[in-house]
Amino acid sequence: AILELREFLEREHVTVVVMEATSDYWKPFFYLFEETLPVMLVNAKAARNIPGRKTDVSDAAWLAQLAAHGLLRASFVPPEPIRELRDLTRARAIATRDRAREIQRLEKFLESSGIKLSSVVSDLTGVSSRDMLEALINGERNPEVLAGMARGMLRSKIPALVDALTGRFKPHHAFMARLHLDQIDAHTRTIDTLTAR
């Protein structure tokens, strides 16, 4: 129907198409029309506030009159490459937020099993933390063995890690922790794909 409307406007030699920026309803029309027609997107409130409007004039007729007299100012609509970049950055921001929430869920879940790893490490998804969590999931329960997996500066915190890794981590906790880590990894892959794009 939008394609048919565009063809009709082209046949009628319309010199400019004016539309109000209402919610997201304008987008499919604007994006399709802009390929072949001059399109002006206007702020609905600004158009209504111009004096001289008769109450019986329809919105469309009023917009047409204002456009004919050059009384409308077009809203900024970024070009397509910028719109695409905005889609990507928004999707990446959402994926990053979802990943952070999943890490928080994992942290709370670990604490319910007595594992307080986040009280010692700054990043539950760091290399050392991840090694310890994978070992826990795979059945290692000895806190000293787990703490011994610390790398770099974290090795100086081995006594605190032993305390933090002493808990009641059971097969159910291993199952749930695996799900959380898999979700975190999925979000990380999405973020990496969006970043590369």
N, C-alpha and C. Protein backbone atom coordinates (compact mmCIF):
# COMPACT_ATOMS: atom_id res chain seq x y z
N ALA A 1 0.84 -1.21 0.00
CA ALA A 1 0.00 0.00 0.00
C ALA A 1 0.87 1.26 0.00
N ILE A 2 1.99 1.22 0.72
CA ILE A 2 2.89 2.38 0.76
C ILE A 2 3.54 2.58 -0.62
N LEU A 3 3.90 1.47 -1.27
CA LEU A 3 4.46 1.57 -2.61
C LEU A 3 3.45 2.15 -3.59
N GLU A 4 2.20 1.72 -3.46
CA GLU A 4 1.14 2.26 -4.32
C GLU A 4 0.96 3.75 -4.10
N LEU A 5 1.00 4.16 -2.83
CA LEU A 5 0.87 5.58 -2.52
C LEU A 5 2.03 6.37 -3.12
N ARG A 6 3.24 5.84 -3.03
CA ARG A 6 4.39 6.53 -3.62
C ARG A 6 4.23 6.68 -5.13
N GLU A 7 3.78 5.60 -5.77
CA GLU A 7 3.58 5.65 -7.22
C GLU A 7 2.53 6.70 -7.58
N PHE A 8 1.47 6.77 -6.79
CA PHE A 8 0.42 7.78 -7.02
C PHE A 8 0.99 9.19 -6.90
N LEU A 9 1.76 9.43 -5.85
CA LEU A 9 2.34 10.77 -5.65
C LEU A 9 3.31 11.13 -6.79
N GLU A 10 4.05 10.15 -7.25
CA GLU A 10 4.96 10.40 -8.37
C GLU A 10 4.19 10.72 -9.65
N ARG A 11 3.09 9.97 -9.90
CA ARG A 11 2.26 10.23 -11.09
C ARG A 11 1.65 11.62 -11.05
N GLU A 12 1.31 12.07 -9.86
CA GLU A 12 0.68 13.38 -9.69
C GLU A 12 1.72 14.51 -9.64
N HIS A 13 3.00 14.18 -9.79
CA HIS A 13 4.09 15.16 -9.80
C HIS A 13 4.11 16.00 -8.51
N VAL A 14 3.94 15.33 -7.39
CA VAL A 14 3.98 16.01 -6.09
C VAL A 14 5.40 16.53 -5.88
N THR A 15 5.50 17.80 -5.48
CA THR A 15 6.82 18.41 -5.33
C THR A 15 7.42 18.20 -3.95
N VAL A 16 6.60 18.00 -2.93
CA VAL A 16 7.11 17.72 -1.59
C VAL A 16 6.04 16.96 -0.81
N VAL A 17 6.47 15.99 -0.05
CA VAL A 17 5.58 15.25 0.84
C VAL A 17 5.88 15.70 2.26
N VAL A 18 4.84 16.13 2.98
CA VAL A 18 5.01 16.58 4.35
C VAL A 18 4.29 15.61 5.26
N MET A 19 4.97 15.19 6.32
CA MET A 19 4.32 14.28 7.28
C MET A 19 4.74 14.64 8.69
N GLU A 20 3.84 14.35 9.62
CA GLU A 20 4.14 14.60 11.03
C GLU A 20 4.97 13.46 11.60
N ALA A 21 5.85 13.82 12.51
CA ALA A 21 6.67 12.81 13.21
C ALA A 21 5.87 12.32 14.40
N THR A 22 5.04 11.32 14.18
CA THR A 22 4.21 10.76 15.24
C THR A 22 4.71 9.37 15.58
N SER A 23 5.17 9.18 16.81
CA SER A 23 5.69 7.89 17.28
C SER A 23 6.67 7.33 16.24
N ASP A 24 6.50 6.06 15.87
CA ASP A 24 7.34 5.45 14.83
C ASP A 24 6.57 5.23 13.54
N TYR A 25 5.32 5.71 13.49
CA TYR A 25 4.46 5.45 12.33
C TYR A 25 5.00 6.05 11.04
N TRP A 26 5.75 7.12 11.14
CA TRP A 26 6.24 7.82 9.96
C TRP A 26 7.37 7.08 9.25
N LYS A 27 8.09 6.23 9.98
CA LYS A 27 9.33 5.66 9.45
C LYS A 27 9.17 4.87 8.14
N PRO A 28 8.24 3.91 8.05
CA PRO A 28 8.18 3.17 6.78
C PRO A 28 7.83 4.07 5.60
N PHE A 29 6.97 5.08 5.83
CA PHE A 29 6.61 6.01 4.76
C PHE A 29 7.81 6.86 4.37
N PHE A 30 8.43 7.47 5.38
CA PHE A 30 9.55 8.38 5.11
C PHE A 30 10.68 7.66 4.39
N TYR A 31 11.08 6.49 4.89
CA TYR A 31 12.22 5.79 4.33
C TYR A 31 11.96 5.33 2.90
N LEU A 32 10.73 4.99 2.59
CA LEU A 32 10.40 4.55 1.23
C LEU A 32 10.26 5.76 0.30
N PHE A 33 9.59 6.82 0.79
CA PHE A 33 9.38 8.00 -0.05
C PHE A 33 10.69 8.71 -0.36
N GLU A 34 11.62 8.76 0.61
CA GLU A 34 12.84 9.55 0.42
C GLU A 34 13.70 9.03 -0.73
N GLU A 35 13.44 7.78 -1.15
CA GLU A 35 14.22 7.23 -2.26
C GLU A 35 13.92 7.95 -3.57
N THR A 36 12.67 8.46 -3.74
CA THR A 36 12.30 9.06 -5.03
C THR A 36 11.60 10.41 -4.91
N LEU A 37 11.18 10.79 -3.70
CA LEU A 37 10.44 12.04 -3.53
C LEU A 37 11.09 12.93 -2.47
N PRO A 38 10.94 14.26 -2.61
CA PRO A 38 11.38 15.13 -1.53
C PRO A 38 10.40 15.00 -0.35
N VAL A 39 10.92 14.65 0.81
CA VAL A 39 10.05 14.41 1.98
C VAL A 39 10.47 15.35 3.10
N MET A 40 9.47 15.91 3.78
CA MET A 40 9.73 16.79 4.92
C MET A 40 9.01 16.22 6.13
N LEU A 41 9.79 15.90 7.15
CA LEU A 41 9.23 15.41 8.40
C LEU A 41 9.16 16.60 9.35
N VAL A 42 7.97 16.85 9.91
CA VAL A 42 7.82 18.03 10.78
C VAL A 42 7.31 17.62 12.15
N ASN A 43 7.66 18.43 13.12
CA ASN A 43 7.19 18.24 14.49
C ASN A 43 5.71 18.61 14.54
N ALA A 44 4.86 17.69 14.97
CA ALA A 44 3.41 17.90 14.97
C ALA A 44 3.03 19.11 15.83
N LYS A 45 3.67 19.25 16.97
CA LYS A 45 3.34 20.36 17.88
C LYS A 45 3.69 21.70 17.26
N ALA A 46 4.84 21.76 16.61
CA ALA A 46 5.27 23.01 15.98
C ALA A 46 4.30 23.42 14.87
N ALA A 47 3.83 22.44 14.10
CA ALA A 47 2.89 22.74 13.01
C ALA A 47 1.56 23.24 13.55
N ARG A 48 1.12 22.69 14.65
CA ARG A 48 -0.18 23.10 15.23
C ARG A 48 -0.11 24.49 15.86
N ASN A 49 1.08 24.87 16.29
CA ASN A 49 1.23 26.15 16.99
C ASN A 49 1.37 27.35 16.06
N ILE A 50 1.42 27.11 14.76
CA ILE A 50 1.50 28.24 13.83
C ILE A 50 0.12 28.89 13.76
N PRO A 51 0.03 30.21 13.98
CA PRO A 51 -1.27 30.87 14.02
C PRO A 51 -1.98 30.88 12.67
N GLY A 52 -3.31 30.99 12.72
CA GLY A 52 -4.11 31.12 11.51
C GLY A 52 -4.88 29.87 11.14
N ARG A 53 -4.73 28.83 11.90
CA ARG A 53 -5.42 27.58 11.57
C ARG A 53 -6.90 27.69 11.85
N LYS A 54 -7.69 27.26 10.87
CA LYS A 54 -9.13 27.19 11.07
C LYS A 54 -9.45 25.84 11.69
N THR A 55 -10.41 25.80 12.57
CA THR A 55 -10.70 24.56 13.29
C THR A 55 -11.20 23.46 12.39
N ASP A 56 -11.82 23.81 11.24
CA ASP A 56 -12.39 22.77 10.38
C ASP A 56 -11.39 22.22 9.37
N VAL A 57 -10.15 22.72 9.38
CA VAL A 57 -9.15 22.25 8.43
C VAL A 57 -8.54 20.96 8.96
N SER A 58 -8.45 19.96 8.10
CA SER A 58 -7.84 18.69 8.53
C SER A 58 -6.34 18.90 8.71
N ASP A 59 -5.74 18.02 9.48
CA ASP A 59 -4.30 18.11 9.72
C ASP A 59 -3.52 18.07 8.40
N ALA A 60 -3.91 17.18 7.50
CA ALA A 60 -3.20 17.03 6.24
C ALA A 60 -3.31 18.30 5.39
N ALA A 61 -4.53 18.87 5.33
CA ALA A 61 -4.72 20.09 4.54
C ALA A 61 -3.93 21.25 5.15
N TRP A 62 -3.90 21.33 6.48
CA TRP A 62 -3.16 22.39 7.15
C TRP A 62 -1.66 22.26 6.89
N LEU A 63 -1.14 21.04 6.97
CA LEU A 63 0.27 20.81 6.66
C LEU A 63 0.59 21.20 5.22
N ALA A 64 -0.32 20.86 4.30
CA ALA A 64 -0.11 21.20 2.89
C ALA A 64 -0.05 22.71 2.70
N GLN A 65 -0.97 23.45 3.36
CA GLN A 65 -0.97 24.91 3.25
C GLN A 65 0.33 25.50 3.80
N LEU A 66 0.73 25.02 4.98
CA LEU A 66 1.95 25.54 5.59
C LEU A 66 3.17 25.26 4.73
N ALA A 67 3.23 24.06 4.15
CA ALA A 67 4.37 23.69 3.30
C ALA A 67 4.38 24.55 2.04
N ALA A 68 3.20 24.80 1.46
CA ALA A 68 3.12 25.60 0.24
C ALA A 68 3.64 27.01 0.47
N HIS A 69 3.48 27.53 1.69
CA HIS A 69 3.93 28.88 2.01
C HIS A 69 5.31 28.90 2.66
N GLY A 70 5.95 27.73 2.76
CA GLY A 70 7.30 27.66 3.32
C GLY A 70 7.36 27.96 4.81
N LEU A 71 6.28 27.63 5.53
CA LEU A 71 6.22 27.94 6.96
C LEU A 71 6.62 26.78 7.86
N LEU A 72 7.03 25.68 7.27
CA LEU A 72 7.40 24.52 8.08
C LEU A 72 8.91 24.33 8.08
N ARG A 73 9.41 23.91 9.20
CA ARG A 73 10.83 23.60 9.31
C ARG A 73 10.96 22.08 9.44
N ALA A 74 11.78 21.50 8.60
CA ALA A 74 11.93 20.04 8.61
C ALA A 74 12.72 19.59 9.83
N SER A 75 12.30 18.47 10.39
CA SER A 75 13.05 17.84 11.47
C SER A 75 14.27 17.17 10.86
N PHE A 76 15.32 17.04 11.67
CA PHE A 76 16.51 16.35 11.19
C PHE A 76 16.28 14.85 11.20
N VAL A 77 16.47 14.23 10.06
CA VAL A 77 16.45 12.77 9.95
C VAL A 77 17.83 12.37 9.45
N PRO A 78 18.59 11.64 10.27
CA PRO A 78 19.95 11.31 9.84
C PRO A 78 19.95 10.45 8.58
N PRO A 79 21.02 10.56 7.79
CA PRO A 79 21.10 9.73 6.58
C PRO A 79 21.19 8.24 6.94
N GLU A 80 20.94 7.40 5.97
CA GLU A 80 20.84 5.96 6.21
C GLU A 80 22.06 5.35 6.90
N PRO A 81 23.30 5.70 6.51
CA PRO A 81 24.45 5.09 7.23
C PRO A 81 24.44 5.43 8.72
N ILE A 82 24.01 6.63 9.08
CA ILE A 82 23.96 7.02 10.49
C ILE A 82 22.82 6.27 11.19
N ARG A 83 21.70 6.09 10.49
CA ARG A 83 20.59 5.32 11.08
C ARG A 83 21.02 3.88 11.35
N GLU A 84 21.77 3.32 10.40
CA GLU A 84 22.25 1.94 10.59
C GLU A 84 23.22 1.86 11.76
N LEU A 85 24.12 2.84 11.85
CA LEU A 85 25.07 2.87 12.97
C LEU A 85 24.32 3.00 14.29
N ARG A 86 23.27 3.83 14.31
CA ARG A 86 22.49 4.00 15.53
C ARG A 86 21.80 2.68 15.92
N ASP A 87 21.28 1.95 14.93
CA ASP A 87 20.68 0.64 15.21
C ASP A 87 21.72 -0.29 15.86
N LEU A 88 22.92 -0.29 15.30
CA LEU A 88 23.97 -1.16 15.82
C LEU A 88 24.38 -0.76 17.24
N THR A 89 24.57 0.54 17.46
CA THR A 89 25.00 0.97 18.80
C THR A 89 23.92 0.74 19.85
N ARG A 90 22.66 0.92 19.46
CA ARG A 90 21.57 0.64 20.41
C ARG A 90 21.51 -0.85 20.74
N ALA A 91 21.63 -1.69 19.71
CA ALA A 91 21.60 -3.14 19.94
C ALA A 91 22.78 -3.56 20.82
N ARG A 92 23.94 -2.94 20.59
CA ARG A 92 25.13 -3.27 21.39
C ARG A 92 24.94 -2.82 22.84
N ALA A 93 24.36 -1.66 23.04
CA ALA A 93 24.12 -1.16 24.40
C ALA A 93 23.16 -2.10 25.14
N ILE A 94 22.13 -2.57 24.44
CA ILE A 94 21.17 -3.50 25.06
C ILE A 94 21.86 -4.81 25.41
N ALA A 95 22.66 -5.34 24.49
CA ALA A 95 23.36 -6.60 24.75
C ALA A 95 24.34 -6.45 25.91
N THR A 96 25.01 -5.30 25.99
CA THR A 96 25.95 -5.04 27.08
C THR A 96 25.21 -4.99 28.42
N ARG A 97 24.06 -4.32 28.42
CA ARG A 97 23.25 -4.24 29.65
C ARG A 97 22.74 -5.63 30.05
N ASP A 98 22.30 -6.41 29.06
CA ASP A 98 21.81 -7.77 29.35
C ASP A 98 22.94 -8.65 29.90
N ARG A 99 24.13 -8.49 29.36
CA ARG A 99 25.28 -9.26 29.84
C ARG A 99 25.60 -8.89 31.30
N ALA A 100 25.58 -7.60 31.60
CA ALA A 100 25.85 -7.15 32.98
C ALA A 100 24.80 -7.71 33.94
N ARG A 101 23.54 -7.75 33.52
CA ARG A 101 22.48 -8.31 34.37
C ARG A 101 22.70 -9.80 34.60
N GLU A 102 23.14 -10.49 33.56
CA GLU A 102 23.38 -11.94 33.69
C GLU A 102 24.54 -12.19 34.66
N ILE A 103 25.56 -11.35 34.61
CA ILE A 103 26.69 -11.48 35.54
C ILE A 103 26.20 -11.25 36.97
N GLN A 104 25.31 -10.26 37.17
CA GLN A 104 24.75 -10.01 38.50
C GLN A 104 23.93 -11.20 38.98
N ARG A 105 23.17 -11.82 38.06
CA ARG A 105 22.39 -13.01 38.44
C ARG A 105 23.32 -14.14 38.88
N LEU A 106 24.41 -14.33 38.13
CA LEU A 106 25.38 -15.36 38.49
C LEU A 106 25.97 -15.07 39.87
N GLU A 107 26.32 -13.81 40.11
CA GLU A 107 26.90 -13.43 41.40
C GLU A 107 25.95 -13.75 42.54
N LYS A 108 24.68 -13.37 42.41
CA LYS A 108 23.70 -13.64 43.46
C LYS A 108 23.50 -15.14 43.65
N PHE A 109 23.49 -15.87 42.53
CA PHE A 109 23.30 -17.31 42.62
C PHE A 109 24.48 -17.96 43.34
N LEU A 110 25.70 -17.55 43.00
CA LEU A 110 26.88 -18.12 43.67
C LEU A 110 26.83 -17.84 45.17
N GLU A 111 26.41 -16.65 45.53
CA GLU A 111 26.33 -16.30 46.95
C GLU A 111 25.31 -17.18 47.68
N SER A 112 24.27 -17.61 46.97
CA SER A 112 23.27 -18.49 47.61
C SER A 112 23.87 -19.85 47.93
N SER A 113 24.99 -20.20 47.26
CA SER A 113 25.65 -21.48 47.55
C SER A 113 26.84 -21.28 48.49
N GLY A 114 27.02 -20.06 48.98
CA GLY A 114 28.12 -19.78 49.90
C GLY A 114 29.41 -19.39 49.22
N ILE A 115 29.42 -19.31 47.89
CA ILE A 115 30.61 -18.91 47.13
C ILE A 115 30.60 -17.39 46.99
N LYS A 116 31.58 -16.73 47.60
CA LYS A 116 31.63 -15.25 47.61
C LYS A 116 32.80 -14.75 46.76
N LEU A 117 32.98 -15.34 45.62
CA LEU A 117 34.11 -15.02 44.74
C LEU A 117 34.17 -13.53 44.41
N SER A 118 33.01 -12.91 44.22
CA SER A 118 32.99 -11.49 43.82
C SER A 118 33.46 -10.56 44.92
N SER A 119 33.57 -11.06 46.15
CA SER A 119 34.09 -10.21 47.23
C SER A 119 35.62 -10.09 47.16
N VAL A 120 36.25 -10.95 46.36
CA VAL A 120 37.71 -10.92 46.24
C VAL A 120 38.14 -10.47 44.85
N VAL A 121 37.47 -10.97 43.82
CA VAL A 121 37.84 -10.61 42.44
C VAL A 121 37.01 -9.43 41.96
N SER A 122 37.58 -8.63 41.08
CA SER A 122 36.86 -7.46 40.57
C SER A 122 35.95 -7.82 39.40
N ASP A 123 36.24 -8.95 38.72
CA ASP A 123 35.47 -9.32 37.54
C ASP A 123 35.20 -10.83 37.57
N LEU A 124 33.93 -11.18 37.73
CA LEU A 124 33.55 -12.61 37.76
C LEU A 124 33.82 -13.30 36.44
N THR A 125 33.97 -12.53 35.37
CA THR A 125 34.20 -13.15 34.06
C THR A 125 35.66 -13.05 33.63
N GLY A 126 36.53 -12.60 34.55
CA GLY A 126 37.96 -12.53 34.24
C GLY A 126 38.55 -13.93 34.08
N VAL A 127 39.78 -13.99 33.62
CA VAL A 127 40.42 -15.28 33.32
C VAL A 127 40.50 -16.18 34.55
N SER A 128 41.01 -15.65 35.67
CA SER A 128 41.14 -16.46 36.89
C SER A 128 39.77 -16.91 37.40
N SER A 129 38.83 -15.97 37.47
CA SER A 129 37.48 -16.29 37.96
C SER A 129 36.84 -17.35 37.10
N ARG A 130 36.99 -17.20 35.80
CA ARG A 130 36.38 -18.14 34.88
C ARG A 130 36.97 -19.55 35.05
N ASP A 131 38.28 -19.62 35.24
CA ASP A 131 38.92 -20.92 35.47
C ASP A 131 38.36 -21.58 36.73
N MET A 132 38.21 -20.78 37.79
CA MET A 132 37.69 -21.31 39.06
C MET A 132 36.24 -21.77 38.90
N LEU A 133 35.45 -20.97 38.21
CA LEU A 133 34.03 -21.34 38.02
C LEU A 133 33.90 -22.60 37.17
N GLU A 134 34.71 -22.69 36.11
CA GLU A 134 34.66 -23.89 35.26
C GLU A 134 35.05 -25.12 36.06
N ALA A 135 36.07 -24.98 36.92
CA ALA A 135 36.50 -26.10 37.75
C ALA A 135 35.39 -26.49 38.74
N LEU A 136 34.75 -25.50 39.33
CA LEU A 136 33.62 -25.79 40.24
C LEU A 136 32.53 -26.57 39.51
N ILE A 137 32.19 -26.09 38.33
CA ILE A 137 31.13 -26.74 37.53
C ILE A 137 31.53 -28.17 37.19
N ASN A 138 32.81 -28.38 36.92
CA ASN A 138 33.30 -29.71 36.54
C ASN A 138 33.58 -30.63 37.72
N GLY A 139 33.24 -30.16 38.94
CA GLY A 139 33.31 -31.06 40.09
C GLY A 139 34.37 -30.78 41.13
N GLU A 140 35.27 -29.84 40.88
CA GLU A 140 36.31 -29.52 41.86
C GLU A 140 35.69 -28.73 43.02
N ARG A 141 35.88 -29.22 44.24
CA ARG A 141 35.28 -28.55 45.39
C ARG A 141 36.31 -28.08 46.42
N ASN A 142 37.56 -28.47 46.25
CA ASN A 142 38.61 -28.10 47.20
C ASN A 142 38.95 -26.62 47.02
N PRO A 143 38.65 -25.77 48.05
CA PRO A 143 38.88 -24.34 47.90
C PRO A 143 40.35 -23.97 47.69
N GLU A 144 41.28 -24.78 48.21
CA GLU A 144 42.69 -24.48 48.02
C GLU A 144 43.12 -24.73 46.57
N VAL A 145 42.60 -25.82 46.01
CA VAL A 145 42.90 -26.11 44.60
C VAL A 145 42.31 -25.01 43.71
N LEU A 146 41.08 -24.63 44.02
CA LEU A 146 40.40 -23.58 43.23
C LEU A 146 41.16 -22.25 43.35
N ALA A 147 41.54 -21.87 44.56
CA ALA A 147 42.26 -20.61 44.78
C ALA A 147 43.61 -20.63 44.09
N GLY A 148 44.21 -21.82 43.96
CA GLY A 148 45.51 -21.96 43.30
C GLY A 148 45.45 -21.63 41.81
N MET A 149 44.26 -21.51 41.26
CA MET A 149 44.11 -21.16 39.84
C MET A 149 44.24 -19.66 39.59
N ALA A 150 44.41 -18.90 40.67
CA ALA A 150 44.54 -17.44 40.53
C ALA A 150 45.78 -17.11 39.71
N ARG A 151 45.67 -16.04 38.93
CA ARG A 151 46.79 -15.61 38.09
C ARG A 151 47.16 -14.17 38.43
N GLY A 152 48.37 -13.81 38.09
CA GLY A 152 48.82 -12.43 38.22
C GLY A 152 48.70 -11.88 39.63
N MET A 153 48.22 -10.65 39.74
CA MET A 153 48.10 -9.95 41.02
C MET A 153 47.16 -10.66 41.99
N LEU A 154 46.25 -11.45 41.45
CA LEU A 154 45.26 -12.14 42.27
C LEU A 154 45.91 -13.21 43.15
N ARG A 155 47.11 -13.65 42.78
CA ARG A 155 47.78 -14.70 43.57
C ARG A 155 48.07 -14.21 44.99
N SER A 156 48.21 -12.90 45.15
CA SER A 156 48.48 -12.36 46.49
C SER A 156 47.24 -12.46 47.39
N LYS A 157 46.09 -12.79 46.80
CA LYS A 157 44.84 -12.88 47.56
C LYS A 157 44.39 -14.33 47.76
N ILE A 158 45.29 -15.27 47.63
CA ILE A 158 44.92 -16.69 47.74
C ILE A 158 44.24 -17.02 49.07
N PRO A 159 44.72 -16.53 50.22
CA PRO A 159 44.01 -16.84 51.47
C PRO A 159 42.55 -16.35 51.45
N ALA A 160 42.34 -15.15 50.94
CA ALA A 160 40.98 -14.62 50.86
C ALA A 160 40.15 -15.43 49.86
N LEU A 161 40.78 -15.90 48.79
CA LEU A 161 40.08 -16.72 47.80
C LEU A 161 39.65 -18.06 48.41
N VAL A 162 40.52 -18.64 49.23
CA VAL A 162 40.17 -19.91 49.88
C VAL A 162 38.89 -19.74 50.69
N ASP A 163 38.83 -18.64 51.46
CA ASP A 163 37.61 -18.37 52.25
C ASP A 163 36.41 -18.16 51.34
N ALA A 164 36.60 -17.39 50.27
CA ALA A 164 35.50 -17.05 49.37
C ALA A 164 34.99 -18.28 48.62
N LEU A 165 35.85 -19.26 48.41
CA LEU A 165 35.47 -20.45 47.64
C LEU A 165 35.04 -21.61 48.51
N THR A 166 34.92 -21.38 49.81
CA THR A 166 34.44 -22.41 50.72
C THR A 166 32.93 -22.25 50.85
N GLY A 167 32.20 -23.19 50.27
CA GLY A 167 30.74 -23.10 50.29
C GLY A 167 30.11 -24.46 50.15
N ARG A 168 28.85 -24.48 49.78
CA ARG A 168 28.13 -25.74 49.60
C ARG A 168 27.65 -25.85 48.16
N PHE A 169 28.60 -25.81 47.24
CA PHE A 169 28.34 -25.87 45.80
C PHE A 169 28.01 -27.30 45.41
N LYS A 170 26.78 -27.53 44.93
CA LYS A 170 26.29 -28.87 44.62
C LYS A 170 25.99 -29.01 43.12
N PRO A 171 25.64 -30.21 42.66
CA PRO A 171 25.35 -30.39 41.22
C PRO A 171 24.29 -29.42 40.68
N HIS A 172 23.29 -29.09 41.50
CA HIS A 172 22.28 -28.12 41.06
C HIS A 172 22.93 -26.76 40.79
N HIS A 173 23.84 -26.35 41.69
CA HIS A 173 24.53 -25.07 41.50
C HIS A 173 25.40 -25.10 40.25
N ALA A 174 26.02 -26.25 40.01
CA ALA A 174 26.85 -26.40 38.80
C ALA A 174 26.00 -26.24 37.54
N PHE A 175 24.82 -26.86 37.54
CA PHE A 175 23.91 -26.78 36.40
C PHE A 175 23.50 -25.33 36.13
N MET A 176 23.08 -24.64 37.19
CA MET A 176 22.62 -23.27 37.05
C MET A 176 23.77 -22.32 36.67
N ALA A 177 24.93 -22.51 37.27
CA ALA A 177 26.08 -21.67 36.94
C ALA A 177 26.47 -21.83 35.47
N ARG A 178 26.39 -23.08 34.98
CA ARG A 178 26.68 -23.34 33.56
C ARG A 178 25.72 -22.55 32.67
N LEU A 179 24.43 -22.55 33.02
CA LEU A 179 23.45 -21.80 32.24
C LEU A 179 23.78 -20.30 32.23
N HIS A 180 24.11 -19.77 33.40
CA HIS A 180 24.46 -18.35 33.48
C HIS A 180 25.70 -18.03 32.64
N LEU A 181 26.73 -18.87 32.74
CA LEU A 181 27.94 -18.63 31.97
C LEU A 181 27.68 -18.72 30.47
N ASP A 182 26.84 -19.68 30.07
CA ASP A 182 26.50 -19.80 28.65
C ASP A 182 25.77 -18.56 28.15
N GLN A 183 24.87 -18.02 28.97
CA GLN A 183 24.16 -16.79 28.61
C GLN A 183 25.15 -15.63 28.49
N ILE A 184 26.06 -15.53 29.44
CA ILE A 184 27.07 -14.46 29.41
C ILE A 184 27.91 -14.57 28.13
N ASP A 185 28.30 -15.80 27.78
CA ASP A 185 29.09 -16.02 26.56
C ASP A 185 28.30 -15.64 25.31
N ALA A 186 27.01 -15.97 25.30
CA ALA A 186 26.16 -15.62 24.15
C ALA A 186 26.08 -14.10 23.98
N HIS A 187 25.90 -13.40 25.11
CA HIS A 187 25.86 -11.94 25.05
C HIS A 187 27.20 -11.38 24.58
N THR A 188 28.30 -11.98 25.05
CA THR A 188 29.63 -11.53 24.65
C THR A 188 29.82 -11.69 23.14
N ARG A 189 29.37 -12.83 22.59
CA ARG A 189 29.48 -13.05 21.14
C ARG A 189 28.66 -12.01 20.37
N THR A 190 27.45 -11.71 20.87
CA THR A 190 26.61 -10.70 20.22
C THR A 190 27.29 -9.35 20.24
N ILE A 191 27.85 -8.97 21.38
CA ILE A 191 28.55 -7.69 21.52
C ILE A 191 29.72 -7.63 20.54
N ASP A 192 30.49 -8.72 20.46
CA ASP A 192 31.65 -8.76 19.56
C ASP A 192 31.23 -8.62 18.10
N THR A 193 30.13 -9.30 17.75
CA THR A 193 29.62 -9.24 16.36
C THR A 193 29.17 -7.82 16.03
N LEU A 194 28.45 -7.19 16.94
CA LEU A 194 27.97 -5.83 16.71
C LEU A 194 29.14 -4.85 16.66
N THR A 195 30.13 -5.04 17.52
CA THR A 195 31.31 -4.16 17.53
C THR A 195 32.05 -4.26 16.19
N ALA A 196 32.21 -5.48 15.70
CA ALA A 196 32.90 -5.67 14.42
C ALA A 196 32.12 -5.04 13.27
N ARG A 197 30.80 -5.19 13.32
CA ARG A 197 29.96 -4.61 12.25
C ARG A 197 30.08 -3.10 12.25
